[in-house]
Every structure is written in C-alpha cells, then in structure tokens.
Amino acid sequence: MSSSYCNLLYHIVFATKGREPWLTAAIRPRIHQYLGGAIRSEQGIALVVNGTADHVHILAKLRQDKAISKIVGEIKANSSSWISRAFNDAAGFASQEGYGAFTVSESQVSRVHRYIENQEEHHRRVSFLEEFKVLLKAHGLPFDERYL
C-alpha cells in the first residue's frame, strides 16, 4: 500500500492540580477554546472540549506520527501557562501531573461526544474521581486508588 490511513480518536481527561476548582464557569469557555486551538497546533482536530471546575475532557482526532504523551504534555504545559497569565484570579494554576487517554472507535464517537458535552449534568450525580475510576475500569486499566 502506497499511502497510510489512520483514524486515531482519543478521549483525553486531565484534572487541575489537587482537583482544585480553578476552572470557573466564567472562564471555562475561553479555556476550552484555547485547548481546541492547542490540539490544532499539534495538527489534530478537537471534536469537543468540555469539563467542570476541576477537570477537562477532550475528544480529538490526532496524528499518527506524534506520541499521545507528547501531545498531552504540550497541551497541559501550554494551557497551564496561558491560564496563569490570562486570568488574574488563576495566577497559580497548574494541571495535575497525570492524565487519561482512551482510544475511541468511530462507532462510539457520537456517544463520547454527547458524554463530554453533558459534563455539568453528569457531575451533579458523579464525582470526578468516581467518573475516572469508571473510565479506567471500562478500558481494562489497573490502578491504585492512592495515585488517583
């Protein structure tokens, strides 16, 4: 085959440091826009970005020639720096060190998209920690609760 064809879809999740509620409703739309731009700067396509005061979800189509760890690291570092500069009351903002990145099949894109769009409603019933544990279990990933 003379060409490469890839459809690499990821559900990326990361939290604020200490899960502090830095991402207030007033600034969240600008942060989500920035994160979408950060995905584009990595030559990816952000399908949806949303979250709550203490974490972010991104559904993105990413390139096959870039490591997911590098992309997420760049996005988190750049957005943390920008948030600290752009918002007076977020001068000490930082993201938590780790993240979750889960592959998504094309057949599940609309389901994951809706799930990310409805984060506010979802988190009226479920905490971020419980949500993240469900994601880890659904993807067959072992974890130690001490490190969540």
Protein backbone atom coordinates (compact mmCIF):
# COMPACT_ATOMS: atom_id res chain seq x y z
CA MET A 1 0.00 0.00 0.00
CA SER A 2 1.49 3.33 -1.00
CA SER A 3 -0.42 5.50 1.50
CA SER A 4 -1.12 5.38 5.22
CA TYR A 5 -4.66 5.70 6.53
CA CYS A 6 -5.27 6.35 10.20
CA ASN A 7 -8.26 7.38 12.25
CA LEU A 8 -6.88 7.86 15.74
CA LEU A 9 -9.56 9.14 18.08
CA TYR A 10 -8.81 9.82 21.75
CA HIS A 11 -10.83 10.74 24.80
CA ILE A 12 -8.36 12.73 26.91
CA VAL A 13 -9.04 13.61 30.54
CA PHE A 14 -6.96 15.65 32.95
CA ALA A 15 -7.58 17.45 36.21
CA THR A 16 -6.43 20.61 37.87
CA LYS A 17 -3.66 20.19 40.42
CA GLY A 18 -5.17 18.83 43.62
CA ARG A 19 -8.52 18.88 41.78
CA GLU A 20 -8.94 22.47 42.88
CA PRO A 21 -11.92 24.25 41.23
CA TRP A 22 -9.83 26.70 39.18
CA LEU A 23 -11.91 26.44 36.01
CA THR A 24 -14.87 28.59 36.94
CA ALA A 25 -17.92 28.80 34.70
CA ALA A 26 -16.93 32.36 33.74
CA ILE A 27 -13.56 31.38 32.25
CA ARG A 28 -14.27 27.82 31.10
CA PRO A 29 -15.43 28.69 27.55
CA ARG A 30 -12.19 30.57 26.81
CA ILE A 31 -10.13 27.73 28.25
CA HIS A 32 -11.98 25.18 26.14
CA GLN A 33 -11.39 27.32 23.05
CA TYR A 34 -7.72 27.56 23.90
CA LEU A 35 -7.47 23.78 24.33
CA GLY A 36 -9.13 23.27 20.94
CA GLY A 37 -6.52 25.59 19.44
CA ALA A 38 -3.77 23.67 21.25
CA ILE A 39 -4.99 20.45 19.61
CA ARG A 40 -4.95 22.21 16.22
CA SER A 41 -1.39 23.41 16.85
CA GLU A 42 -0.45 19.72 17.15
CA GLN A 43 -2.13 19.17 13.74
CA GLY A 44 -5.07 17.44 15.40
CA ILE A 45 -8.80 18.07 15.32
CA ALA A 46 -10.67 18.80 18.54
CA LEU A 47 -14.16 17.36 18.14
CA VAL A 48 -15.36 18.59 21.55
CA VAL A 49 -13.79 20.11 24.66
CA ASN A 50 -15.70 20.44 27.91
CA GLY A 51 -15.41 19.86 31.62
CA THR A 52 -16.14 21.24 35.04
CA ALA A 53 -14.31 23.40 37.57
CA ASP A 54 -11.72 20.72 38.33
CA HIS A 55 -11.15 18.76 35.11
CA VAL A 56 -11.32 18.75 31.32
CA HIS A 57 -12.41 16.20 28.72
CA ILE A 58 -11.26 16.39 25.10
CA LEU A 59 -12.38 14.23 22.19
CA ALA A 60 -9.79 14.63 19.47
CA LYS A 61 -8.53 13.11 16.26
CA LEU A 62 -4.73 13.06 16.43
CA ARG A 63 -1.90 12.38 14.01
CA GLN A 64 -0.24 9.01 13.82
CA ASP A 65 3.28 10.44 13.83
CA LYS A 66 3.08 12.06 17.28
CA ALA A 67 3.09 10.30 20.62
CA ILE A 68 -0.01 10.85 22.74
CA SER A 69 2.19 11.53 25.78
CA LYS A 70 3.99 14.33 23.93
CA ILE A 71 0.77 15.89 22.68
CA VAL A 72 -0.95 15.81 26.08
CA GLY A 73 2.22 17.09 27.79
CA GLU A 74 2.45 20.04 25.39
CA ILE A 75 -1.25 20.87 25.70
CA LYS A 76 -1.19 20.75 29.50
CA ALA A 77 2.02 22.78 29.84
CA ASN A 78 0.98 25.45 27.34
CA SER A 79 -2.57 25.79 28.65
CA SER A 80 -1.41 25.96 32.29
CA SER A 81 0.99 28.77 31.44
CA TRP A 82 -1.66 30.61 29.42
CA ILE A 83 -4.35 30.26 32.12
CA SER A 84 -1.96 31.64 34.75
CA ARG A 85 -1.25 34.69 32.55
CA ALA A 86 -4.73 35.24 31.09
CA PHE A 87 -6.83 35.23 34.26
CA ASN A 88 -5.98 37.39 37.26
CA ASP A 89 -7.50 35.02 39.79
CA ALA A 90 -5.71 31.97 38.33
CA ALA A 91 -2.09 33.09 38.81
CA GLY A 92 -1.07 29.81 40.46
CA PHE A 93 -2.94 27.49 38.12
CA ALA A 94 -1.46 24.10 37.30
CA SER A 95 -2.70 20.81 35.91
CA GLN A 96 -2.37 17.57 37.80
CA GLU A 97 0.66 15.56 36.70
CA GLY A 98 -1.13 12.57 35.17
CA TYR A 99 -3.88 12.19 32.62
CA GLY A 100 -6.11 9.62 30.99
CA ALA A 101 -6.11 8.93 27.26
CA PHE A 102 -8.55 6.38 25.92
CA THR A 103 -8.99 5.26 22.34
CA VAL A 104 -12.44 5.67 20.84
CA SER A 105 -13.79 3.68 17.91
CA GLU A 106 -15.55 5.59 15.15
CA SER A 107 -18.81 3.85 16.07
CA GLN A 108 -18.64 5.40 19.57
CA VAL A 109 -17.72 8.98 18.63
CA SER A 110 -21.24 10.40 18.92
CA ARG A 111 -21.76 8.67 22.29
CA VAL A 112 -18.48 10.01 23.71
CA HIS A 113 -19.19 13.45 22.19
CA ARG A 114 -22.57 13.61 23.99
CA TYR A 115 -20.98 12.40 27.23
CA ILE A 116 -18.38 15.19 27.09
CA GLU A 117 -20.97 17.81 26.15
CA ASN A 118 -23.05 16.87 29.21
CA GLN A 119 -20.32 17.11 31.85
CA GLU A 120 -22.14 19.62 34.07
CA GLU A 121 -25.22 17.42 34.28
CA HIS A 122 -23.19 14.24 34.70
CA HIS A 123 -21.24 15.67 37.63
CA ARG A 124 -24.36 16.56 39.56
CA ARG A 125 -24.56 12.81 40.20
CA VAL A 126 -20.99 11.52 39.98
CA SER A 127 -17.69 12.91 41.30
CA PHE A 128 -14.67 13.25 39.03
CA LEU A 129 -12.86 10.53 40.98
CA GLU A 130 -15.75 8.08 40.55
CA GLU A 131 -16.04 9.00 36.87
CA PHE A 132 -12.32 8.45 36.29
CA LYS A 133 -12.40 5.06 38.02
CA VAL A 134 -15.30 4.01 35.76
CA LEU A 135 -13.29 5.07 32.69
CA LEU A 136 -10.23 3.15 33.86
CA LYS A 137 -12.27 0.02 34.57
CA ALA A 138 -14.15 0.27 31.25
CA HIS A 139 -10.81 0.32 29.42
CA GLY A 140 -9.37 -2.56 31.45
CA LEU A 141 -6.68 -0.45 33.11
CA PRO A 142 -5.47 -1.44 36.56
CA PHE A 143 -4.97 1.38 39.05
CA ASP A 144 -4.02 2.10 42.63
CA GLU A 145 -6.51 4.49 44.24
CA ARG A 146 -3.68 6.16 46.17
CA TYR A 147 -2.45 7.67 42.90
CA LEU A 148 -5.75 8.94 41.57
